């Protein structure tokens, strides 16, 4: 029998982003409900990654006793007031097993008594006035706002002739014995492709990993979604001529050939015609995308970046559907392949900022701030950059702000997305502001063009008080008036990320602020 449930806010998805959003809503006393299609929290991690090793860092021993600093190297914990609810207590492994994440998320939901309805799959979303959602049981849910935290749940199948002959990373066998003495093609250049290649190297005869463009390595780009070292053992076998290879090109077609397949490869870097290569197995590791099919036309969010993600404002709101917000990995369209919004250690802070945006807009709750004497701004900035995990993880995307009123009074505001800050100041949401400073942690210009292991190139002296040419992560302070950049100051990089030298860090910053 159908029924209707009404609430102020509905959260779709009980993965890490949905749980983080629910935790913050409950802490604020807001009426809400989480709808989860699976039987438990974190259902995604019961299946992915397929070979079960996470690539998110879990560093237990840091030498620090500051919980804020510890979050810089804890990429899996959600934000809460409970020191017992840290992922670091679940396993000592630096790269944990995905089953540990499932246990952690389940405990987070239970111990915080979050209002979650499991086995509740949303099949439609409409908006006659409020949002109206319907689940597979015929139950309807009505809410003024929605936070979508479903991740990228739809397989991406590229437009390749004969692609139906390929197996997908989503459900291909993970038993290496099934690939014994087989020649395998893996289509894709991401971590899932190389995770699969690494898992099959011991049993296959040959593996080719194919995709267009140059391979990007996370240790050079500083984008953790590019190929990680933990997944790149395959590159050794290629460079040391152990039968495996990278193919730089497009796949033009796949066709059956007896017990195997003939695959047309259009190479990019060599002057040759399309080459047809025979394989025993072909695997698609081409990623996933956001599924907007449940939304009715009147509230279907516009998509962006090759229709992979919902298009979003600086407040993570749909650009064409008011009151429809997004959380989690789908928010990476705001810093696509630049920062860390696609990952727990980034989007946990994004969800907290989204919560503050919603609190301010709908409940009149001002963004937390504190008064700072004009002469103490240098110390306030230095203290924050030496501790903050949010600015550290969401580098160049999340900022602190120093707001200066016409009468000279100063307020310090923490963890505001840079793009939202500019818009919010212009709208007067932070009060009467004459000028303001952004405080971010950033890598230097062209940092991805520098060999990170060549100590003679691209790194300035740690005693250089200007800091302008620094390539490694370092604090940047910029001054704005009416949204326009006035000037900026770079604090010199430091090997230990400790910006506390009076001569090198504080004095130049103090002179700039003066």
Protein backbone atom coordinates (compact mmCIF):
# COMPACT_ATOMS: atom_id res chain seq x y z
CA UNK A 1 0.00 0.00 0.00
CA UNK A 2 1.39 3.38 -0.96
CA UNK A 3 1.90 6.15 1.58
CA UNK A 4 3.55 9.56 1.76
CA UNK A 5 6.32 10.82 4.01
CA UNK A 6 7.00 14.55 4.37
CA UNK A 7 10.25 16.06 5.60
CA UNK A 8 12.26 19.23 5.18
CA UNK A 9 15.21 17.68 3.36
CA UNK A 10 15.78 14.36 1.61
CA UNK A 11 19.25 12.94 1.15
CA UNK A 12 19.57 10.35 -1.62
CA UNK A 13 22.34 7.87 -0.89
CA UNK A 14 23.94 6.57 2.32
CA UNK A 15 27.51 6.49 1.11
CA UNK A 16 30.15 8.64 2.83
CA UNK A 17 28.78 11.94 1.46
CA UNK A 18 25.18 11.11 2.37
CA UNK A 19 26.22 10.06 5.88
CA UNK A 20 28.27 13.23 6.33
CA UNK A 21 25.34 15.37 5.23
CA UNK A 22 22.93 13.51 7.52
CA UNK A 23 25.28 13.83 10.49
CA UNK A 24 25.49 17.60 10.07
CA UNK A 25 21.73 17.96 9.54
CA UNK A 26 21.06 15.95 12.69
CA UNK A 27 23.57 17.98 14.70
CA UNK A 28 21.70 21.11 13.63
CA UNK A 29 18.33 19.59 14.57
CA UNK A 30 17.01 19.65 10.99
CA UNK A 31 14.18 17.37 9.92
CA UNK A 32 15.49 15.06 7.20
CA UNK A 33 15.57 11.52 5.88
CA UNK A 34 18.18 9.50 3.99
CA UNK A 35 17.03 7.09 1.27
CA UNK A 36 19.46 4.28 0.39
CA UNK A 37 18.85 1.70 -2.30
CA UNK A 38 21.17 -0.89 -0.78
CA UNK A 39 20.75 -2.99 2.37
CA UNK A 40 23.37 -1.03 4.36
CA UNK A 41 25.48 2.11 4.39
CA UNK A 42 28.31 2.26 1.88
CA UNK A 43 26.89 -0.33 -0.52
CA UNK A 44 29.20 0.96 -3.28
CA UNK A 45 32.22 -0.29 -1.34
CA UNK A 46 30.84 -3.83 -1.15
CA UNK A 47 31.62 -4.04 -4.88
CA UNK A 48 34.27 -1.42 -5.65
CA UNK A 49 37.14 -1.28 -6.11
CA UNK A 50 36.85 -4.73 -7.68
CA UNK A 51 40.19 -5.95 -6.36
CA UNK A 52 39.30 -4.58 -2.91
CA UNK A 53 42.34 -2.39 -2.17
CA UNK A 54 41.51 1.26 -1.57
CA UNK A 55 44.02 3.87 -2.75
CA UNK A 56 43.05 6.34 -0.02
CA UNK A 57 45.75 6.84 2.59
CA UNK A 58 45.18 5.53 6.12
CA UNK A 59 48.14 6.78 8.16
CA UNK A 60 47.89 5.93 11.84
CA UNK A 61 51.32 6.95 13.12
CA UNK A 62 51.91 10.63 12.43
CA UNK A 63 53.95 11.94 15.35
CA UNK A 64 51.18 14.50 15.95
CA UNK A 65 48.65 14.66 18.75
CA UNK A 66 46.54 17.29 16.99
CA UNK A 67 43.42 15.63 15.51
CA UNK A 68 43.13 18.40 12.92
CA UNK A 69 46.64 17.74 11.63
CA UNK A 70 46.02 13.99 11.63
CA UNK A 71 43.20 14.47 9.12
CA UNK A 72 45.80 15.60 6.59
CA UNK A 73 46.94 11.98 6.27
CA UNK A 74 43.65 10.27 7.11
CA UNK A 75 41.78 10.18 3.81
CA UNK A 76 38.88 8.00 4.92
CA UNK A 77 37.35 9.38 8.13
CA UNK A 78 34.18 11.42 8.12
CA UNK A 79 33.96 14.58 10.23
CA UNK A 80 32.36 14.16 13.64
CA UNK A 81 32.79 15.12 17.28
CA UNK A 82 33.44 11.50 18.30
CA UNK A 83 37.18 10.66 18.45
CA UNK A 84 36.23 6.97 18.38
CA UNK A 85 34.65 7.36 14.93
CA UNK A 86 37.88 7.62 12.99
CA UNK A 87 38.69 5.19 10.20
CA UNK A 88 42.23 4.84 11.56
CA UNK A 89 40.81 2.67 14.35
CA UNK A 90 39.53 0.06 11.89
CA UNK A 91 42.71 -1.17 10.24
CA UNK A 92 46.47 -0.51 10.37
CA UNK A 93 46.81 -0.91 6.58
CA UNK A 94 48.14 2.14 4.76
CA UNK A 95 45.99 1.21 1.76
CA UNK A 96 42.99 -0.45 3.42
CA UNK A 97 40.67 -3.17 2.22
CA UNK A 98 37.30 -1.92 0.99
CA UNK A 99 35.54 -4.19 3.51
CA UNK A 100 36.99 -2.02 6.29
CA UNK A 101 35.29 1.00 4.72
CA UNK A 102 31.96 -0.87 4.70
CA UNK A 103 32.33 -1.65 8.42
CA UNK A 104 33.30 1.94 9.22
CA UNK A 105 30.41 3.52 7.35
CA UNK A 106 27.96 1.08 8.93
CA UNK A 107 29.19 1.97 12.40
CA UNK A 108 29.09 5.69 11.61
CA UNK A 109 25.43 5.41 10.65
CA UNK A 110 24.47 3.31 13.67
CA UNK A 111 26.44 5.15 16.35
CA UNK A 112 25.04 8.49 15.20
CA UNK A 113 21.53 7.03 14.88
CA UNK A 114 21.10 8.60 11.46
CA UNK A 115 17.57 8.49 9.96
CA UNK A 116 18.20 6.14 7.04
CA UNK A 117 15.72 3.99 5.13
CA UNK A 118 17.59 1.07 3.56
CA UNK A 119 16.39 -1.02 0.61
CA UNK A 120 14.69 2.14 -0.57
CA UNK A 121 15.59 2.82 -4.18
CA UNK A 122 14.37 6.11 -5.63
CA UNK A 123 12.76 5.43 -9.01
CA UNK A 124 11.39 8.89 -9.80
CA UNK A 125 11.76 12.53 -8.77
CA UNK A 126 9.20 15.14 -9.81
CA UNK A 127 8.41 18.66 -8.69
CA UNK A 128 4.78 19.70 -8.89
CA UNK A 129 5.51 22.19 -6.06
CA UNK A 130 7.79 20.58 -3.49
CA UNK A 131 10.00 17.71 -4.63
CA UNK A 132 8.13 14.41 -4.74
CA UNK A 133 10.15 11.18 -4.78
CA UNK A 134 8.81 7.66 -5.26
CA UNK A 135 10.58 4.45 -4.28
CA UNK A 136 10.30 0.94 -5.72
CA UNK A 137 7.65 0.04 -3.12
CA UNK A 138 5.33 2.83 -4.21
CA UNK A 139 6.00 5.01 -1.17
CA UNK A 140 6.25 8.74 -1.94
CA UNK A 141 8.39 11.29 -0.14
CA UNK A 142 7.87 15.05 -0.17
CA UNK A 143 10.55 17.62 0.66
CA UNK A 144 11.46 21.24 0.00
CA UNK A 145 15.10 20.37 -0.68
CA UNK A 146 17.10 17.42 -1.93
CA UNK A 147 20.77 16.58 -1.48
CA UNK A 148 21.82 14.01 -4.08
CA UNK A 149 24.75 11.90 -2.88
CA UNK A 150 24.46 8.94 -5.23
CA UNK A 151 27.91 9.15 -6.75
CA UNK A 152 28.55 8.13 -10.34
CA UNK A 153 26.44 5.00 -10.55
CA UNK A 154 25.95 4.54 -14.30
CA UNK A 155 28.51 2.61 -16.37
CA UNK A 156 30.10 4.63 -19.15
CA UNK A 157 30.21 2.64 -22.37
CA UNK A 158 32.13 4.46 -25.12
CA UNK A 159 30.81 4.67 -28.66
CA UNK A 160 32.94 1.90 -30.23
CA UNK A 161 31.73 -0.38 -32.99
CA UNK A 162 31.35 -3.85 -31.45
CA UNK A 163 31.74 -2.60 -27.87
CA UNK A 164 29.13 -5.14 -26.79
CA UNK A 165 31.83 -7.81 -27.13
CA UNK A 166 33.85 -6.27 -24.29
CA UNK A 167 33.45 -7.09 -20.61
CA UNK A 168 33.06 -4.19 -18.17
CA UNK A 169 35.14 -3.50 -15.08
CA UNK A 170 31.80 -3.38 -13.26
CA UNK A 171 31.29 -7.15 -13.46
CA UNK A 172 34.32 -8.78 -15.11
CA UNK A 173 35.78 -11.71 -13.18
CA UNK A 174 38.44 -10.83 -10.62
CA UNK A 175 39.86 -14.37 -10.56
CA UNK A 176 43.32 -14.23 -12.20
CA UNK A 177 43.13 -17.96 -12.95
CA UNK A 178 40.44 -17.25 -15.55
CA UNK A 179 42.98 -15.23 -17.53
CA UNK A 180 45.78 -17.79 -17.55
CA UNK A 181 47.93 -17.51 -20.70
CA UNK A 182 45.46 -15.04 -22.24
CA UNK A 183 46.24 -11.94 -24.24
CA UNK A 184 44.12 -9.16 -22.70
CA UNK A 185 43.22 -5.66 -23.82
CA UNK A 186 42.10 -3.18 -21.14
CA UNK A 187 40.46 -0.04 -22.53
CA UNK A 188 40.94 2.92 -20.20
CA UNK A 189 43.74 4.91 -18.57
CA UNK A 190 42.45 5.40 -15.02
CA UNK A 191 43.19 3.66 -11.75
CA UNK A 192 40.55 1.00 -12.39
CA UNK A 193 42.31 0.01 -15.61
CA UNK A 194 45.71 -0.27 -13.96
CA UNK A 195 44.27 -1.90 -10.83
CA UNK A 196 42.93 -4.60 -13.17
CA UNK A 197 46.20 -4.87 -15.09
CA UNK A 198 48.24 -5.25 -11.89
CA UNK A 199 45.91 -7.98 -10.66
CA UNK A 200 46.23 -10.01 -13.88
CA UNK A 201 49.96 -9.67 -14.59
CA UNK A 202 50.94 -12.96 -12.95
CA UNK A 203 48.67 -15.14 -15.08
CA UNK A 204 48.23 -13.42 -18.44
CA UNK A 205 50.59 -13.83 -21.38
CA UNK A 206 50.22 -10.22 -22.57
CA UNK A 207 48.31 -7.17 -21.36
CA UNK A 208 47.79 -4.01 -23.39
CA UNK A 209 46.29 -0.92 -21.73
CA UNK A 210 44.86 1.44 -24.34
CA UNK A 211 43.63 5.01 -24.38
CA UNK A 212 44.20 8.36 -26.08
CA UNK A 213 46.54 11.09 -24.86
CA UNK A 214 49.45 11.09 -22.47
CA UNK A 215 49.32 9.06 -19.28
CA UNK A 216 49.07 11.37 -16.27
CA UNK A 217 50.74 10.37 -13.01
CA UNK A 218 49.40 11.63 -9.69
CA UNK A 219 52.88 12.19 -8.28
CA UNK A 220 53.43 14.85 -10.95
CA UNK A 221 50.00 16.44 -11.37
CA UNK A 222 49.08 16.25 -7.64
CA UNK A 223 45.59 15.14 -8.70
CA UNK A 224 44.92 11.92 -6.79
CA UNK A 225 42.53 10.66 -9.45
CA UNK A 226 45.38 10.31 -11.95
CA UNK A 227 47.38 7.09 -11.94
CA UNK A 228 48.65 6.37 -8.44
CA UNK A 229 51.96 4.68 -7.69
CA UNK A 230 50.16 1.91 -5.80
CA UNK A 231 48.54 0.88 -9.11
CA UNK A 232 51.41 1.38 -11.51
CA UNK A 233 53.53 -1.76 -11.21
CA UNK A 234 52.30 -2.48 -14.73
CA UNK A 235 54.43 0.41 -16.00
CA UNK A 236 57.58 -1.42 -14.91
CA UNK A 237 56.66 -4.42 -17.03
CA UNK A 238 56.11 -2.14 -20.02
CA UNK A 239 59.28 -0.08 -19.68
CA UNK A 240 61.40 -3.19 -18.96
CA UNK A 241 60.01 -4.95 -22.05
CA UNK A 242 58.19 -7.76 -20.27
CA UNK A 243 55.58 -8.25 -23.04
CA UNK A 244 53.02 -5.79 -21.65
CA UNK A 245 52.47 -2.40 -23.29
CA UNK A 246 50.64 0.91 -23.27
CA UNK A 247 48.83 1.75 -26.50
CA UNK A 248 48.40 5.46 -27.17
CA UNK A 249 45.36 5.66 -29.37
CA UNK A 250 41.65 5.22 -29.96
CA UNK A 251 39.84 1.92 -30.23
CA UNK A 252 38.07 1.99 -33.60
CA UNK A 253 36.26 -1.34 -33.47
CA UNK A 254 35.95 -4.79 -31.88
CA UNK A 255 34.82 -7.95 -33.69
CA UNK A 256 34.66 -11.64 -32.93
CA UNK A 257 37.37 -13.88 -34.33
CA UNK A 258 36.74 -17.49 -33.34
CA UNK A 259 37.41 -17.76 -29.61
CA UNK A 260 38.91 -14.27 -29.46
CA UNK A 261 38.54 -10.75 -30.80
CA UNK A 262 40.13 -8.57 -33.44
CA UNK A 263 40.46 -4.98 -32.22
CA UNK A 264 41.21 -2.01 -34.47
CA UNK A 265 43.57 0.46 -32.79
CA UNK A 266 44.17 3.91 -34.24
CA UNK A 267 47.58 4.91 -32.92
CA UNK A 268 48.27 8.55 -32.08
CA UNK A 269 52.04 8.67 -31.77
CA UNK A 270 53.23 6.65 -34.74
CA UNK A 271 52.72 7.24 -38.42
CA UNK A 272 50.83 4.08 -39.33
CA UNK A 273 47.37 3.07 -40.46
CA UNK A 274 44.87 1.52 -38.10
CA UNK A 275 46.28 -1.76 -36.83
CA UNK A 276 44.14 -4.78 -36.02
CA UNK A 277 45.33 -6.80 -33.02
CA UNK A 278 43.99 -10.12 -31.76
CA UNK A 279 43.06 -10.58 -28.08
CA UNK A 280 41.50 -13.33 -26.01
CA UNK A 281 39.67 -10.96 -23.66
CA UNK A 282 38.71 -7.27 -23.89
CA UNK A 283 37.85 -5.31 -20.73
CA UNK A 284 36.28 -1.85 -20.53
CA UNK A 285 37.61 0.25 -17.64
CA UNK A 286 36.19 3.51 -18.94
CA UNK A 287 34.61 4.80 -15.76
CA UNK A 288 31.18 5.83 -14.58
CA UNK A 289 28.85 8.81 -14.78
CA UNK A 290 25.95 10.40 -12.92
CA UNK A 291 22.54 8.85 -13.62
CA UNK A 292 19.89 11.56 -14.11
CA UNK A 293 17.24 9.20 -15.47
CA UNK A 294 15.11 9.25 -12.30
CA UNK A 295 14.38 12.98 -12.65
CA UNK A 296 11.26 14.19 -14.42
CA UNK A 297 11.81 16.81 -17.16
CA UNK A 298 10.69 19.72 -14.95
CA UNK A 299 13.45 19.02 -12.42
CA UNK A 300 16.09 17.14 -14.38
CA UNK A 301 19.50 18.67 -13.62
CA UNK A 302 21.55 19.84 -16.56
CA UNK A 303 24.69 17.77 -17.09
CA UNK A 304 28.24 18.86 -17.92
CA UNK A 305 31.73 17.50 -18.77
CA UNK A 306 30.55 15.07 -21.45
CA UNK A 307 27.37 14.47 -19.43
CA UNK A 308 29.35 12.85 -16.61
CA UNK A 309 28.25 15.15 -13.78
CA UNK A 310 25.35 17.46 -12.86
CA UNK A 311 26.20 21.07 -13.61
CA UNK A 312 26.47 23.00 -10.33
CA UNK A 313 26.76 26.51 -8.98
CA UNK A 314 29.45 27.56 -6.51
CA UNK A 315 27.00 26.45 -3.78
CA UNK A 316 26.75 22.90 -5.25
CA UNK A 317 23.21 23.65 -6.37
CA UNK A 318 21.86 22.59 -9.75
CA UNK A 319 22.29 25.44 -12.23
CA UNK A 320 18.74 24.90 -13.55
CA UNK A 321 16.82 23.34 -10.62
CA UNK A 322 16.70 25.51 -7.47
CA UNK A 323 16.92 23.72 -4.10
CA UNK A 324 18.49 20.62 -5.70
CA UNK A 325 21.95 20.20 -4.17
CA UNK A 326 24.75 17.70 -4.66
CA UNK A 327 27.31 16.13 -2.34
CA UNK A 328 30.18 13.73 -2.68
CA UNK A 329 32.14 12.59 -5.70
CA UNK A 330 29.71 14.19 -8.17
CA UNK A 331 30.76 17.62 -6.88
CA UNK A 332 34.15 17.19 -8.55
CA UNK A 333 32.85 19.07 -11.59
CA UNK A 334 33.65 22.23 -9.62
CA UNK A 335 37.38 21.37 -9.46
CA UNK A 336 37.59 18.67 -12.11
CA UNK A 337 41.04 17.02 -12.18
CA UNK A 338 42.48 19.88 -10.13
CA UNK A 339 41.72 19.32 -6.43
CA UNK A 340 40.07 16.57 -4.34
CA UNK A 341 36.29 17.08 -4.33
CA UNK A 342 35.88 13.65 -5.93
CA UNK A 343 37.28 11.86 -2.89
CA UNK A 344 36.30 11.45 0.77
CA UNK A 345 39.25 13.46 2.08
CA UNK A 346 38.08 16.38 -0.06
CA UNK A 347 34.31 16.22 -0.16
CA UNK A 348 33.89 15.74 3.59
CA UNK A 349 34.83 19.43 3.87
CA UNK A 350 32.69 20.28 0.86
CA UNK A 351 29.67 18.72 2.56
CA UNK A 352 30.37 20.75 5.71
CA UNK A 353 30.57 23.93 3.63
CA UNK A 354 27.36 22.98 1.81
CA UNK A 355 25.67 22.53 5.18
CA UNK A 356 26.74 26.03 6.23
CA UNK A 357 25.48 27.47 2.95
CA UNK A 358 22.10 25.80 3.44
CA UNK A 359 21.93 26.86 7.09
CA UNK A 360 22.61 30.47 6.12
CA UNK A 361 20.19 30.54 3.20
CA UNK A 362 17.20 28.75 4.70
CA UNK A 363 17.61 29.15 8.47
CA UNK A 364 19.37 32.48 8.86
CA UNK A 365 22.38 30.96 10.61
CA UNK A 366 25.48 33.04 9.92
CA UNK A 367 28.67 31.36 8.79
CA UNK A 368 30.86 30.86 11.90
CA UNK A 369 33.38 33.69 12.31
CA UNK A 370 35.52 35.32 14.95
CA UNK A 371 36.75 38.85 15.52
CA UNK A 372 40.48 39.45 15.04
CA UNK A 373 42.45 42.58 15.93
CA UNK A 374 44.03 44.13 12.85
CA UNK A 375 47.49 43.61 14.29
CA UNK A 376 46.85 39.91 14.89
CA UNK A 377 45.92 38.91 11.35
CA UNK A 378 49.39 37.59 10.53
CA UNK A 379 49.38 35.26 13.53
CA UNK A 380 45.82 34.14 12.79
CA UNK A 381 46.76 33.19 9.22
CA UNK A 382 50.01 31.47 10.24
CA UNK A 383 48.24 29.49 12.96
CA UNK A 384 45.59 28.28 10.51
CA UNK A 385 47.87 27.28 7.63
CA UNK A 386 49.99 25.28 10.03
CA UNK A 387 46.98 23.27 11.29
CA UNK A 388 44.14 23.23 8.78
CA UNK A 389 43.23 19.97 7.09
CA UNK A 390 40.44 21.43 4.93
CA UNK A 391 42.68 23.88 3.07
CA UNK A 392 45.36 21.21 2.88
CA UNK A 393 43.07 18.64 1.26
CA UNK A 394 40.98 20.96 -0.94
CA UNK A 395 44.00 22.95 -2.10
CA UNK A 396 43.26 26.05 -4.21
CA UNK A 397 39.52 25.34 -3.88
CA UNK A 398 38.74 25.93 -0.21
CA UNK A 399 39.88 29.07 1.57
CA UNK A 400 39.79 30.92 4.83
CA UNK A 401 38.73 34.55 4.55
CA UNK A 402 39.73 37.70 6.39
CA UNK A 403 36.82 40.15 6.06
CA UNK A 404 37.55 43.85 6.59
CA UNK A 405 34.61 46.19 7.18
CA UNK A 406 34.58 49.90 6.22
CA UNK A 407 35.23 50.82 9.86
CA UNK A 408 38.38 48.65 9.91
CA UNK A 409 37.02 45.82 12.06
CA UNK A 410 38.20 42.39 11.01
CA UNK A 411 36.51 39.00 11.09
CA UNK A 412 38.11 35.64 10.33
CA UNK A 413 35.96 33.03 8.53
CA UNK A 414 37.11 29.45 7.99
CA UNK A 415 36.60 27.01 5.12
CA UNK A 416 34.63 28.85 2.47
CA UNK A 417 34.92 27.68 -1.15
CA UNK A 418 36.72 30.44 -3.03
CA UNK A 419 34.10 30.78 -5.76
CA UNK A 420 31.24 30.89 -3.26
CA UNK A 421 33.08 33.46 -1.14
CA UNK A 422 33.27 35.96 -4.00
CA UNK A 423 29.57 35.56 -4.79
CA UNK A 424 28.47 35.64 -1.14
CA UNK A 425 30.45 38.81 -0.39
CA UNK A 426 28.92 40.47 -3.46
CA UNK A 427 25.44 39.55 -2.22
CA UNK A 428 26.16 40.88 1.26
CA UNK A 429 25.85 37.49 2.93
CA UNK A 430 28.93 38.19 5.05
CA UNK A 431 27.80 41.66 6.06
CA UNK A 432 29.38 44.96 5.07
CA UNK A 433 32.78 44.07 3.60
CA UNK A 434 35.08 46.68 2.05
CA UNK A 435 38.03 44.41 1.25
CA UNK A 436 38.76 40.78 1.99
CA UNK A 437 41.64 38.34 1.92
CA UNK A 438 41.54 34.73 0.78
CA UNK A 439 43.92 32.26 2.42
CA UNK A 440 44.57 29.09 0.45
CA UNK A 441 47.16 26.36 0.16
CA UNK A 442 48.25 25.90 -3.45
CA UNK A 443 50.83 24.30 -5.66
CA UNK A 444 52.81 26.77 -7.74
CA UNK A 445 52.20 27.66 -11.37
CA UNK A 446 53.21 24.91 -13.83
CA UNK A 447 53.93 22.53 -10.95
CA UNK A 448 52.82 19.62 -13.16
CA UNK A 449 55.54 20.44 -15.69
CA UNK A 450 58.32 19.93 -13.16
CA UNK A 451 59.87 16.51 -12.54
CA UNK A 452 59.05 16.04 -8.84
CA UNK A 453 62.15 13.89 -8.33
CA UNK A 454 64.62 16.28 -9.96
CA UNK A 455 65.83 18.33 -6.99
CA UNK A 456 67.77 20.70 -9.26
CA UNK A 457 64.75 21.91 -11.21
CA UNK A 458 61.73 24.00 -10.36
CA UNK A 459 62.11 24.32 -6.58
CA UNK A 460 63.07 27.59 -4.96
CA UNK A 461 65.13 27.97 -1.81
CA UNK A 462 63.25 27.52 1.44
CA UNK A 463 64.99 30.67 2.62
CA UNK A 464 63.60 32.74 -0.25
CA UNK A 465 61.26 35.15 1.51
CA UNK A 466 59.27 36.02 -1.63
CA UNK A 467 57.80 32.54 -2.13
CA UNK A 468 56.43 33.61 -5.51
CA UNK A 469 58.19 30.94 -7.55
CA UNK A 470 57.39 28.04 -5.23
CA UNK A 471 56.13 24.92 -6.98
CA UNK A 472 55.32 22.82 -3.92
CA UNK A 473 52.26 23.32 -1.70
CA UNK A 474 52.42 26.66 0.12
CA UNK A 475 50.09 29.35 1.54
CA UNK A 476 48.82 32.08 -0.77
CA UNK A 477 47.11 35.23 0.50
CA UNK A 478 45.17 37.36 -1.98
CA UNK A 479 43.44 40.71 -1.44
CA UNK A 480 40.15 41.51 -3.19
CA UNK A 481 37.97 44.56 -3.42
CA UNK A 482 34.49 44.23 -4.96
CA UNK A 483 35.47 40.81 -6.21
CA UNK A 484 38.51 42.12 -8.11
CA UNK A 485 42.00 40.91 -7.29
CA UNK A 486 44.17 43.73 -5.91
CA UNK A 487 47.40 41.90 -5.09
CA UNK A 488 48.72 38.65 -3.63
CA UNK A 489 51.45 37.23 -1.43
CA UNK A 490 53.03 33.75 -1.54
CA UNK A 491 54.48 32.34 1.67
CA UNK A 492 57.68 30.40 0.98
CA UNK A 493 57.27 26.64 0.72
CA UNK A 494 58.68 24.42 3.44
CA UNK A 495 59.71 20.77 3.30
CA UNK A 496 57.92 19.98 6.58
CA UNK A 497 54.95 22.21 5.76
CA UNK A 498 55.69 24.33 8.81
CA UNK A 499 55.35 28.00 7.94
CA UNK A 500 56.41 29.46 11.27
CA UNK A 501 59.80 31.08 10.69
CA UNK A 502 59.78 34.72 11.81
CA UNK A 503 62.26 35.76 9.12
CA UNK A 504 61.12 33.60 6.18
CA UNK A 505 57.36 33.31 6.70
CA UNK A 506 55.93 35.74 9.24
CA UNK A 507 57.85 38.96 8.58
CA UNK A 508 57.18 39.01 4.79
CA UNK A 509 53.49 38.28 5.40
CA UNK A 510 53.29 40.98 8.06
CA UNK A 511 54.90 43.48 5.68
CA UNK A 512 52.43 42.55 2.93
CA UNK A 513 49.43 42.93 5.24
CA UNK A 514 50.71 46.22 6.56
